Amino acid sequence: MRQSWTDDRLDDLKREVESGFDRIDQRFQLVDQRFEQMDQRFGRVETDIREMREQLGSLQRTMLQVGGGLLAANIGLMATIVGLIATHL
């Protein structure tokens, strides 16, 4: 069945299509706002990760220094014990 399209019907269709696109534009604005929020959150996460890496690097240096000091102290203690044993034999 074929219907004729009058100017009034075409105008109604045009208004309905434009209204639909306006609603889509509004929804995309909301989506864009959510993406901006996510970008801000990811920015904070990146900053936190960078800070944690710096702290981890500092902790690793401290652990190496303490471990090196303990190793040197143990070597010195063993040398002292060996020296004492050698002098008493």
C-alpha atoms as a PDB file:
ATOM      1  CA  MET A   1       0.000   0.000   0.000  1.00  0.00           C
ATOM      2  CA  ARG A   2       1.460   3.290  -1.043  1.00  0.00           C
ATOM      3  CA  GLN A   3       0.923   6.496   0.893  1.00  0.00           C
ATOM      4  CA  SER A   4       1.447   9.933  -0.445  1.00  0.00           C
ATOM      5  CA  TRP A   5       3.840  12.255   1.295  1.00  0.00           C
ATOM      6  CA  THR A   6       2.418  15.714   1.752  1.00  0.00           C
ATOM      7  CA  ASP A   7       4.518  18.699   2.704  1.00  0.00           C
ATOM      8  CA  ASP A   8       3.009  18.586   6.196  1.00  0.00           C
ATOM      9  CA  ARG A   9       3.959  14.931   6.636  1.00  0.00           C
ATOM     10  CA  LEU A  10       7.474  15.603   5.374  1.00  0.00           C
ATOM     11  CA  ASP A  11       7.784  18.534   7.801  1.00  0.00           C
ATOM     12  CA  ASP A  12       6.607  16.288  10.659  1.00  0.00           C
ATOM     13  CA  LEU A  13       9.149  13.666   9.657  1.00  0.00           C
ATOM     14  CA  LYS A  14      11.883  16.285   9.481  1.00  0.00           C
ATOM     15  CA  ARG A  15      11.027  17.556  12.982  1.00  0.00           C
ATOM     16  CA  GLU A  16      10.998  14.021  14.355  1.00  0.00           C
ATOM     17  CA  VAL A  17      14.375  13.219  12.779  1.00  0.00           C
ATOM     18  CA  GLU A  18      15.883  16.470  14.077  1.00  0.00           C
ATOM     19  CA  SER A  19      14.465  15.763  17.533  1.00  0.00           C
ATOM     20  CA  GLY A  20      16.035  12.301  17.453  1.00  0.00           C
ATOM     21  CA  PHE A  21      19.418  13.736  16.505  1.00  0.00           C
ATOM     22  CA  ASP A  22      19.111  16.321  19.300  1.00  0.00           C
ATOM     23  CA  ARG A  23      18.510  13.513  21.808  1.00  0.00           C
ATOM     24  CA  ILE A  24      21.515  11.612  20.439  1.00  0.00           C
ATOM     25  CA  ASP A  25      23.674  14.748  20.723  1.00  0.00           C
ATOM     26  CA  GLN A  26      22.623  15.128  24.368  1.00  0.00           C
ATOM     27  CA  ARG A  27      23.493  11.496  25.082  1.00  0.00           C
ATOM     28  CA  PHE A  28      26.903  11.920  23.443  1.00  0.00           C
ATOM     29  CA  GLN A  29      27.537  14.971  25.631  1.00  0.00           C
ATOM     30  CA  LEU A  30      26.914  12.781  28.676  1.00  0.00           C
ATOM     31  CA  VAL A  31      29.256  10.132  27.290  1.00  0.00           C
ATOM     32  CA  ASP A  32      31.923  12.784  26.655  1.00  0.00           C
ATOM     33  CA  GLN A  33      31.578  13.984  30.263  1.00  0.00           C
ATOM     34  CA  ARG A  34      32.026  10.442  31.532  1.00  0.00           C
ATOM     35  CA  PHE A  35      35.154  10.021  29.397  1.00  0.00           C
ATOM     36  CA  GLU A  36      36.545  13.259  30.846  1.00  0.00           C
ATOM     37  CA  GLN A  37      35.940  11.881  34.345  1.00  0.00           C
ATOM     38  CA  MET A  38      37.674   8.637  33.413  1.00  0.00           C
ATOM     39  CA  ASP A  39      40.623  10.559  31.964  1.00  0.00           C
ATOM     40  CA  GLN A  40      40.979  12.435  35.267  1.00  0.00           C
ATOM     41  CA  ARG A  41      40.822   9.194  37.241  1.00  0.00           C
ATOM     42  CA  PHE A  42      43.416   7.513  35.026  1.00  0.00           C
ATOM     43  CA  GLY A  43      45.615  10.588  35.444  1.00  0.00           C
ATOM     44  CA  ARG A  44      45.458  10.156  39.220  1.00  0.00           C
ATOM     45  CA  VAL A  45      46.217   6.433  38.902  1.00  0.00           C
ATOM     46  CA  GLU A  46      49.258   7.178  36.727  1.00  0.00           C
ATOM     47  CA  THR A  47      50.483   9.696  39.296  1.00  0.00           C
ATOM     48  CA  ASP A  48      50.004   7.177  42.110  1.00  0.00           C
ATOM     49  CA  ILE A  49      51.899   4.488  40.189  1.00  0.00           C
ATOM     50  CA  ARG A  50      54.753   6.903  39.466  1.00  0.00           C
ATOM     51  CA  GLU A  51      54.988   7.786  43.173  1.00  0.00           C
ATOM     52  CA  MET A  52      54.939   4.111  44.157  1.00  0.00           C
ATOM     53  CA  ARG A  53      57.760   3.347  41.718  1.00  0.00           C
ATOM     54  CA  GLU A  54      59.849   6.125  43.217  1.00  0.00           C
ATOM     55  CA  GLN A  55      59.198   4.803  46.717  1.00  0.00           C
ATOM     56  CA  LEU A  56      60.030   1.269  45.621  1.00  0.00           C
ATOM     57  CA  GLY A  57      63.314   2.455  44.102  1.00  0.00           C
ATOM     58  CA  SER A  58      64.168   4.192  47.356  1.00  0.00           C
ATOM     59  CA  LEU A  59      63.289   1.068  49.333  1.00  0.00           C
ATOM     60  CA  GLN A  60      65.450  -1.088  47.062  1.00  0.00           C
ATOM     61  CA  ARG A  61      68.439   1.226  47.565  1.00  0.00           C
ATOM     62  CA  THR A  62      67.951   1.110  51.327  1.00  0.00           C
ATOM     63  CA  MET A  63      67.698  -2.682  51.303  1.00  0.00           C
ATOM     64  CA  LEU A  64      70.911  -2.976  49.275  1.00  0.00           C
ATOM     65  CA  GLN A  65      72.746  -0.636  51.637  1.00  0.00           C
ATOM     66  CA  VAL A  66      71.545  -2.483  54.742  1.00  0.00           C
ATOM     67  CA  GLY A  67      72.244  -5.879  53.137  1.00  0.00           C
ATOM     68  CA  GLY A  68      75.713  -4.750  52.108  1.00  0.00           C
ATOM     69  CA  GLY A  69      76.407  -3.471  55.613  1.00  0.00           C
ATOM     70  CA  LEU A  70      75.262  -6.746  57.173  1.00  0.00           C
ATOM     71  CA  LEU A  71      77.383  -8.743  54.738  1.00  0.00           C
ATOM     72  CA  ALA A  72      80.436  -6.638  55.549  1.00  0.00           C
ATOM     73  CA  ALA A  73      79.770  -7.010  59.277  1.00  0.00           C
ATOM     74  CA  ASN A  74      79.434 -10.796  58.935  1.00  0.00           C
ATOM     75  CA  ILE A  75      82.660 -11.016  56.934  1.00  0.00           C
ATOM     76  CA  GLY A  76      84.407  -8.959  59.603  1.00  0.00           C
ATOM     77  CA  LEU A  77      82.987 -11.160  62.358  1.00  0.00           C
ATOM     78  CA  MET A  78      84.063 -14.338  60.560  1.00  0.00           C
ATOM     79  CA  ALA A  79      87.563 -12.916  60.048  1.00  0.00           C
ATOM     80  CA  THR A  80      87.751 -12.123  63.756  1.00  0.00           C
ATOM     81  CA  ILE A  81      86.625 -15.632  64.708  1.00  0.00           C
ATOM     82  CA  VAL A  82      89.104 -17.218  62.293  1.00  0.00           C
ATOM     83  CA  GLY A  83      91.844 -14.978  63.706  1.00  0.00           C
ATOM     84  CA  LEU A  84      90.997 -15.967  67.280  1.00  0.00           C
ATOM     85  CA  ILE A  85      90.929 -19.644  66.386  1.00  0.00           C
ATOM     86  CA  ALA A  86      94.244 -19.356  64.555  1.00  0.00           C
ATOM     87  CA  THR A  87      95.952 -17.657  67.499  1.00  0.00           C
ATOM     88  CA  HIS A  88      94.785 -20.295  69.974  1.00  0.00           C
ATOM     89  CA  LEU A  89      95.945 -23.285  67.947  1.00  0.00           C
END
